[in-house]
């Protein structure tokens, strides 16, 4: 079973992140969603808020103003209206 998955975060201006990560927590329309490797496919709208990315056991936070998230078995793509690292 894989321990990481590919995460790509893109805003209208630029690519924010492209990396292998362990966990992603994102602000979905029905609350926060945690994504782990081998997650079921999903397409959802993101609410404005913080995305928490865990890589090598360390948390990184990215603020988004909304957008979309597509989850595939080993890849997550976030298309954010705007996004900035904290």
Protein backbone atom coordinates (compact mmCIF):
# COMPACT_ATOMS: atom_id res chain seq x y z
CA UNK A 1 0.00 0.00 0.00
CA UNK A 2 1.47 3.41 -0.98
CA UNK A 3 2.36 5.85 1.78
CA UNK A 4 2.30 9.02 -0.37
CA UNK A 5 0.39 10.49 -3.30
CA UNK A 6 1.00 13.26 -5.84
CA UNK A 7 -0.49 16.65 -4.92
CA UNK A 8 -0.70 19.47 -7.47
CA UNK A 9 -2.10 22.86 -6.39
CA UNK A 10 -2.62 25.42 -9.14
CA UNK A 11 -4.08 28.94 -9.03
CA UNK A 12 -4.97 31.20 -11.93
CA UNK A 13 -1.58 32.92 -11.60
CA UNK A 14 0.84 30.02 -11.03
CA UNK A 15 1.54 26.52 -9.78
CA UNK A 16 1.66 26.63 -5.97
CA UNK A 17 2.79 23.08 -5.20
CA UNK A 18 3.67 19.81 -6.91
CA UNK A 19 4.93 17.19 -4.50
CA UNK A 20 4.52 13.74 -2.97
CA UNK A 21 2.60 14.09 0.32
CA UNK A 22 1.28 11.80 3.07
CA UNK A 23 -1.96 13.56 4.08
CA UNK A 24 -4.09 16.43 2.79
CA UNK A 25 -6.84 18.15 4.80
CA UNK A 26 -9.00 20.50 2.73
CA UNK A 27 -12.07 22.70 3.43
CA UNK A 28 -14.91 21.05 1.52
CA UNK A 29 -18.50 22.25 1.24
CA UNK A 30 -19.63 19.85 3.99
CA UNK A 31 -16.63 20.40 6.29
CA UNK A 32 -12.97 19.40 6.36
CA UNK A 33 -11.93 16.36 4.32
CA UNK A 34 -8.82 14.29 5.00
CA UNK A 35 -7.28 12.62 1.96
CA UNK A 36 -4.88 9.68 2.37
CA UNK A 37 -3.10 7.53 -0.24
CA UNK A 38 -5.49 5.26 -2.23
CA UNK A 39 -8.51 7.46 -1.44
CA UNK A 40 -11.65 6.79 -3.46
CA UNK A 41 -12.12 9.04 -6.51
CA UNK A 42 -13.83 12.32 -5.66
CA UNK A 43 -14.62 15.69 -7.25
CA UNK A 44 -15.70 18.48 -4.92
CA UNK A 45 -15.93 22.24 -4.46
CA UNK A 46 -13.57 23.82 -1.93
CA UNK A 47 -14.63 26.55 0.47
CA UNK A 48 -12.31 29.41 1.39
CA UNK A 49 -9.95 28.30 4.15
CA UNK A 50 -6.70 26.52 4.98
CA UNK A 51 -5.34 23.41 3.31
CA UNK A 52 -3.04 21.38 5.55
CA UNK A 53 -0.41 19.29 3.78
CA UNK A 54 1.64 16.69 5.67
CA UNK A 55 4.98 15.71 4.14
CA UNK A 56 7.72 13.85 6.04
CA UNK A 57 5.65 14.29 9.20
CA UNK A 58 5.65 18.12 8.96
CA UNK A 59 2.62 20.33 8.37
CA UNK A 60 2.49 23.05 5.72
CA UNK A 61 -0.51 25.36 5.36
CA UNK A 62 -1.86 26.94 2.19
CA UNK A 63 -4.77 29.40 2.22
CA UNK A 64 -7.26 29.12 -0.66
CA UNK A 65 -10.16 31.40 -1.53
CA UNK A 66 -12.16 28.51 -2.98
CA UNK A 67 -11.89 26.26 -6.00
CA UNK A 68 -12.17 22.59 -6.95
CA UNK A 69 -10.44 19.39 -5.87
CA UNK A 70 -10.16 16.19 -7.91
CA UNK A 71 -9.01 13.07 -6.08
CA UNK A 72 -7.82 10.04 -8.01
CA UNK A 73 -6.28 6.92 -6.46
CA UNK A 74 -2.71 8.28 -6.36
CA UNK A 75 -3.09 11.93 -7.42
CA UNK A 76 -4.92 14.98 -6.09
CA UNK A 77 -5.32 18.16 -8.13
CA UNK A 78 -6.56 21.40 -6.58
CA UNK A 79 -7.62 24.23 -8.89
CA UNK A 80 -7.81 27.22 -6.56
CA UNK A 81 -9.25 30.64 -7.31
CA UNK A 82 -6.29 32.07 -5.37
CA UNK A 83 -3.78 30.32 -3.09
CA UNK A 84 -0.89 31.44 -0.88
CA UNK A 85 1.48 29.56 1.42
CA UNK A 86 1.45 30.64 5.06
